[in-house]
Amino acid sequence: MFFRLVKQLAEKEGVTEQLKADNQMLWVARMNNIRNRATEILNSELIYT
Protein backbone atom coordinates (compact mmCIF):
# COMPACT_ATOMS: atom_id res chain seq x y z
CA MET A 1 0.00 0.00 0.00
CA PHE A 2 2.86 2.37 0.89
CA PHE A 3 4.77 1.72 -2.31
CA ARG A 4 1.65 2.12 -4.43
CA LEU A 5 0.93 5.49 -2.81
CA VAL A 6 4.54 6.64 -3.32
CA LYS A 7 4.38 5.63 -6.98
CA GLN A 8 1.07 7.45 -7.50
CA LEU A 9 2.31 10.63 -5.83
CA ALA A 10 5.56 10.56 -7.83
CA GLU A 11 3.69 10.15 -11.11
CA LYS A 12 1.29 12.95 -10.19
CA GLU A 13 4.17 15.33 -9.44
CA GLY A 14 6.29 14.35 -12.42
CA VAL A 15 9.14 12.78 -10.48
CA THR A 16 10.53 10.49 -13.17
CA GLU A 17 13.63 8.51 -14.00
CA GLN A 18 14.54 11.30 -16.41
CA LEU A 19 14.63 13.76 -13.49
CA LYS A 20 16.80 11.25 -11.61
CA ALA A 21 19.25 11.18 -14.51
CA ASP A 22 19.28 14.96 -14.95
CA ASN A 23 19.32 16.19 -11.35
CA GLN A 24 19.88 13.53 -8.70
CA MET A 25 19.75 15.85 -5.69
CA LEU A 26 16.39 17.31 -6.72
CA TRP A 27 15.05 13.81 -7.34
CA VAL A 28 16.18 12.65 -3.88
CA ALA A 29 14.66 15.70 -2.20
CA ARG A 30 11.32 15.23 -3.95
CA MET A 31 11.22 11.49 -3.30
CA ASN A 32 12.00 12.03 0.40
CA ASN A 33 9.16 14.53 0.55
CA ILE A 34 6.79 12.12 -1.18
CA ARG A 35 7.76 9.23 1.11
CA ASN A 36 7.28 11.36 4.21
CA ARG A 37 3.84 12.46 3.01
CA ALA A 38 2.87 8.88 2.17
CA THR A 39 3.91 7.79 5.66
CA GLU A 40 1.81 10.53 7.23
CA ILE A 41 -1.20 9.65 5.06
CA LEU A 42 -1.02 5.96 5.95
CA ASN A 43 -0.44 6.66 9.63
CA SER A 44 -3.46 8.92 9.79
CA GLU A 45 -5.68 6.45 7.90
CA LEU A 46 -4.56 3.18 9.46
CA ILE A 47 -3.27 3.96 12.93
CA TYR A 48 -5.04 7.06 14.14
CA THR A 49 -8.55 6.21 12.95
PDB file of N, CA and C in Angstrom:
ATOM      1  N   MET A   1       0.823  -1.190   0.000  1.00  0.00           N
ATOM      2  CA  MET A   1       0.000   0.000   0.000  1.00  0.00           C
ATOM      3  C   MET A   1       0.876   1.268   0.000  1.00  0.00           C
ATOM      4  N   PHE A   2       1.936   1.233   0.814  1.00  0.00           N
ATOM      5  CA  PHE A   2       2.859   2.368   0.894  1.00  0.00           C
ATOM      6  C   PHE A   2       3.525   2.625  -0.452  1.00  0.00           C
ATOM      7  N   PHE A   3       4.046   1.569  -1.052  1.00  0.00           N
ATOM      8  CA  PHE A   3       4.770   1.725  -2.314  1.00  0.00           C
ATOM      9  C   PHE A   3       3.853   2.179  -3.442  1.00  0.00           C
ATOM     10  N   ARG A   4       2.623   1.697  -3.422  1.00  0.00           N
ATOM     11  CA  ARG A   4       1.652   2.125  -4.433  1.00  0.00           C
ATOM     12  C   ARG A   4       1.360   3.614  -4.293  1.00  0.00           C
ATOM     13  N   LEU A   5       1.198   4.072  -3.055  1.00  0.00           N
ATOM     14  CA  LEU A   5       0.935   5.490  -2.808  1.00  0.00           C
ATOM     15  C   LEU A   5       2.126   6.352  -3.228  1.00  0.00           C
ATOM     16  N   VAL A   6       3.333   5.907  -2.918  1.00  0.00           N
ATOM     17  CA  VAL A   6       4.537   6.643  -3.320  1.00  0.00           C
ATOM     18  C   VAL A   6       4.608   6.738  -4.838  1.00  0.00           C
ATOM     19  N   LYS A   7       4.338   5.640  -5.517  1.00  0.00           N
ATOM     20  CA  LYS A   7       4.378   5.634  -6.982  1.00  0.00           C
ATOM     21  C   LYS A   7       3.339   6.587  -7.557  1.00  0.00           C
ATOM     22  N   GLN A   8       2.123   6.567  -7.009  1.00  0.00           N
ATOM     23  CA  GLN A   8       1.065   7.446  -7.498  1.00  0.00           C
ATOM     24  C   GLN A   8       1.417   8.917  -7.277  1.00  0.00           C
ATOM     25  N   LEU A   9       1.942   9.247  -6.109  1.00  0.00           N
ATOM     26  CA  LEU A   9       2.314  10.634  -5.831  1.00  0.00           C
ATOM     27  C   LEU A   9       3.460  11.091  -6.738  1.00  0.00           C
ATOM     28  N   ALA A  10       4.425  10.217  -6.962  1.00  0.00           N
ATOM     29  CA  ALA A  10       5.557  10.559  -7.830  1.00  0.00           C
ATOM     30  C   ALA A  10       5.086  10.806  -9.263  1.00  0.00           C
ATOM     31  N   GLU A  11       4.204   9.960  -9.752  1.00  0.00           N
ATOM     32  CA  GLU A  11       3.688  10.154 -11.105  1.00  0.00           C
ATOM     33  C   GLU A  11       2.895  11.451 -11.208  1.00  0.00           C
ATOM     34  N   LYS A  12       2.109  11.737 -10.192  1.00  0.00           N
ATOM     35  CA  LYS A  12       1.293  12.947 -10.188  1.00  0.00           C
ATOM     36  C   LYS A  12       2.153  14.209 -10.213  1.00  0.00           C
ATOM     37  N   GLU A  13       3.292  14.161  -9.534  1.00  0.00           N
ATOM     38  CA  GLU A  13       4.165  15.333  -9.436  1.00  0.00           C
ATOM     39  C   GLU A  13       5.263  15.359 -10.495  1.00  0.00           C
ATOM     40  N   GLY A  14       5.308  14.358 -11.344  1.00  0.00           N
ATOM     41  CA  GLY A  14       6.285  14.354 -12.423  1.00  0.00           C
ATOM     42  C   GLY A  14       7.697  13.995 -12.000  1.00  0.00           C
ATOM     43  N   VAL A  15       7.824  13.238 -10.926  1.00  0.00           N
ATOM     44  CA  VAL A  15       9.143  12.782 -10.481  1.00  0.00           C
ATOM     45  C   VAL A  15       9.436  11.495 -11.233  1.00  0.00           C
ATOM     46  N   THR A  16      10.294  11.600 -12.248  1.00  0.00           N
ATOM     47  CA  THR A  16      10.533  10.494 -13.168  1.00  0.00           C
ATOM     48  C   THR A  16      11.991  10.047 -13.135  1.00  0.00           C
ATOM     49  N   GLU A  17      12.256   8.975 -13.852  1.00  0.00           N
ATOM     50  CA  GLU A  17      13.631   8.506 -13.996  1.00  0.00           C
ATOM     51  C   GLU A  17      14.469   9.520 -14.782  1.00  0.00           C
ATOM     52  N   GLN A  18      13.824  10.272 -15.659  1.00  0.00           N
ATOM     53  CA  GLN A  18      14.542  11.305 -16.408  1.00  0.00           C
ATOM     54  C   GLN A  18      15.042  12.388 -15.458  1.00  0.00           C
ATOM     55  N   LEU A  19      14.207  12.783 -14.500  1.00  0.00           N
ATOM     56  CA  LEU A  19      14.631  13.756 -13.492  1.00  0.00           C
ATOM     57  C   LEU A  19      15.792  13.195 -12.684  1.00  0.00           C
ATOM     58  N   LYS A  20      15.725  11.911 -12.356  1.00  0.00           N
ATOM     59  CA  LYS A  20      16.801  11.245 -11.609  1.00  0.00           C
ATOM     60  C   LYS A  20      18.116  11.314 -12.377  1.00  0.00           C
ATOM     61  N   ALA A  21      18.045  11.133 -13.689  1.00  0.00           N
ATOM     62  CA  ALA A  21      19.249  11.177 -14.512  1.00  0.00           C
ATOM     63  C   ALA A  21      19.781  12.603 -14.652  1.00  0.00           C
ATOM     64  N   ASP A  22      18.874  13.580 -14.730  1.00  0.00           N
ATOM     65  CA  ASP A  22      19.278  14.965 -14.950  1.00  0.00           C
ATOM     66  C   ASP A  22      19.742  15.665 -13.679  1.00  0.00           C
ATOM     67  N   ASN A  23      19.035  15.458 -12.583  1.00  0.00           N
ATOM     68  CA  ASN A  23      19.323  16.185 -11.352  1.00  0.00           C
ATOM     69  C   ASN A  23      19.045  15.279 -10.157  1.00  0.00           C
ATOM     70  N   GLN A  24      20.062  14.534  -9.736  1.00  0.00           N
ATOM     71  CA  GLN A  24      19.879  13.529  -8.699  1.00  0.00           C
ATOM     72  C   GLN A  24      19.486  14.123  -7.351  1.00  0.00           C
ATOM     73  N   MET A  25      20.065  15.258  -6.998  1.00  0.00           N
ATOM     74  CA  MET A  25      19.751  15.847  -5.693  1.00  0.00           C
ATOM     75  C   MET A  25      18.299  16.317  -5.618  1.00  0.00           C
ATOM     76  N   LEU A  26      17.793  16.888  -6.684  1.00  0.00           N
ATOM     77  CA  LEU A  26      16.391  17.306  -6.724  1.00  0.00           C
ATOM     78  C   LEU A  26      15.482  16.092  -6.648  1.00  0.00           C
ATOM     79  N   TRP A  27      15.844  15.031  -7.356  1.00  0.00           N
ATOM     80  CA  TRP A  27      15.049  13.807  -7.335  1.00  0.00           C
ATOM     81  C   TRP A  27      14.995  13.230  -5.922  1.00  0.00           C
ATOM     82  N   VAL A  28      16.133  13.179  -5.243  1.00  0.00           N
ATOM     83  CA  VAL A  28      16.184  12.650  -3.879  1.00  0.00           C
ATOM     84  C   VAL A  28      15.336  13.501  -2.946  1.00  0.00           C
ATOM     85  N   ALA A  29      15.440  14.809  -3.063  1.00  0.00           N
ATOM     86  CA  ALA A  29      14.656  15.700  -2.205  1.00  0.00           C
ATOM     87  C   ALA A  29      13.162  15.499  -2.414  1.00  0.00           C
ATOM     88  N   ARG A  30      12.749  15.420  -3.661  1.00  0.00           N
ATOM     89  CA  ARG A  30      11.315  15.231  -3.952  1.00  0.00           C
ATOM     90  C   ARG A  30      10.826  13.864  -3.499  1.00  0.00           C
ATOM     91  N   MET A  31      11.630  12.826  -3.724  1.00  0.00           N
ATOM     92  CA  MET A  31      11.219  11.490  -3.296  1.00  0.00           C
ATOM     93  C   MET A  31      11.146  11.397  -1.770  1.00  0.00           C
ATOM     94  N   ASN A  32      12.062  12.018  -1.064  1.00  0.00           N
ATOM     95  CA  ASN A  32      11.995  12.033   0.396  1.00  0.00           C
ATOM     96  C   ASN A  32      10.721  12.722   0.860  1.00  0.00           C
ATOM     97  N   ASN A  33      10.384  13.821   0.214  1.00  0.00           N
ATOM     98  CA  ASN A  33       9.162  14.531   0.554  1.00  0.00           C
ATOM     99  C   ASN A  33       7.938  13.653   0.299  1.00  0.00           C
ATOM    100  N   ILE A  34       7.910  12.994  -0.828  1.00  0.00           N
ATOM    101  CA  ILE A  34       6.789  12.119  -1.179  1.00  0.00           C
ATOM    102  C   ILE A  34       6.679  10.963  -0.190  1.00  0.00           C
ATOM    103  N   ARG A  35       7.794  10.353   0.165  1.00  0.00           N
ATOM    104  CA  ARG A  35       7.764   9.231   1.114  1.00  0.00           C
ATOM    105  C   ARG A  35       7.292   9.674   2.491  1.00  0.00           C
ATOM    106  N   ASN A  36       7.735  10.850   2.917  1.00  0.00           N
ATOM    107  CA  ASN A  36       7.277  11.362   4.210  1.00  0.00           C
ATOM    108  C   ASN A  36       5.779  11.628   4.195  1.00  0.00           C
ATOM    109  N   ARG A  37       5.279  12.200   3.116  1.00  0.00           N
ATOM    110  CA  ARG A  37       3.837  12.462   3.008  1.00  0.00           C
ATOM    111  C   ARG A  37       3.052  11.168   2.966  1.00  0.00           C
ATOM    112  N   ALA A  38       3.552  10.170   2.241  1.00  0.00           N
ATOM    113  CA  ALA A  38       2.869   8.876   2.170  1.00  0.00           C
ATOM    114  C   ALA A  38       2.816   8.227   3.555  1.00  0.00           C
ATOM    115  N   THR A  39       3.891   8.331   4.304  1.00  0.00           N
ATOM    116  CA  THR A  39       3.910   7.790   5.664  1.00  0.00           C
ATOM    117  C   THR A  39       2.871   8.472   6.529  1.00  0.00           C
ATOM    118  N   GLU A  40       2.797   9.790   6.445  1.00  0.00           N
ATOM    119  CA  GLU A  40       1.808  10.532   7.228  1.00  0.00           C
ATOM    120  C   GLU A  40       0.382  10.163   6.833  1.00  0.00           C
ATOM    121  N   ILE A  41       0.136  10.016   5.539  1.00  0.00           N
ATOM    122  CA  ILE A  41      -1.200   9.646   5.062  1.00  0.00           C
ATOM    123  C   ILE A  41      -1.592   8.277   5.600  1.00  0.00           C
ATOM    124  N   LEU A  42      -0.694   7.308   5.483  1.00  0.00           N
ATOM    125  CA  LEU A  42      -1.016   5.962   5.948  1.00  0.00           C
ATOM    126  C   LEU A  42      -1.162   5.906   7.461  1.00  0.00           C
ATOM    127  N   ASN A  43      -0.316   6.628   8.172  1.00  0.00           N
ATOM    128  CA  ASN A  43      -0.444   6.656   9.626  1.00  0.00           C
ATOM    129  C   ASN A  43      -1.787   7.227  10.044  1.00  0.00           C
ATOM    130  N   SER A  44      -2.194   8.295   9.403  1.00  0.00           N
ATOM    131  CA  SER A  44      -3.457   8.918   9.793  1.00  0.00           C
ATOM    132  C   SER A  44      -4.644   8.045   9.419  1.00  0.00           C
ATOM    133  N   GLU A  45      -4.557   7.297   8.321  1.00  0.00           N
ATOM    134  CA  GLU A  45      -5.676   6.454   7.902  1.00  0.00           C
ATOM    135  C   GLU A  45      -5.719   5.124   8.626  1.00  0.00           C
ATOM    136  N   LEU A  46      -4.580   4.524   8.889  1.00  0.00           N
ATOM    137  CA  LEU A  46      -4.564   3.184   9.457  1.00  0.00           C
ATOM    138  C   LEU A  46      -4.400   3.153  10.971  1.00  0.00           C
ATOM    139  N   ILE A  47      -3.589   4.026  11.511  1.00  0.00           N
ATOM    140  CA  ILE A  47      -3.267   3.962  12.928  1.00  0.00           C
ATOM    141  C   ILE A  47      -4.173   4.867  13.756  1.00  0.00           C
ATOM    142  N   TYR A  48      -4.356   6.080  13.312  1.00  0.00           N
ATOM    143  CA  TYR A  48      -5.043   7.065  14.143  1.00  0.00           C
ATOM    144  C   TYR A  48      -6.560   7.063  13.991  1.00  0.00           C
ATOM    145  N   THR A  49      -7.091   6.225  13.111  1.00  0.00           N
ATOM    146  CA  THR A  49      -8.545   6.209  12.951  1.00  0.00           C
ATOM    147  C   THR A  49      -9.164   5.025  13.635  1.00  0.00           C
TER     148      THR A  49
END
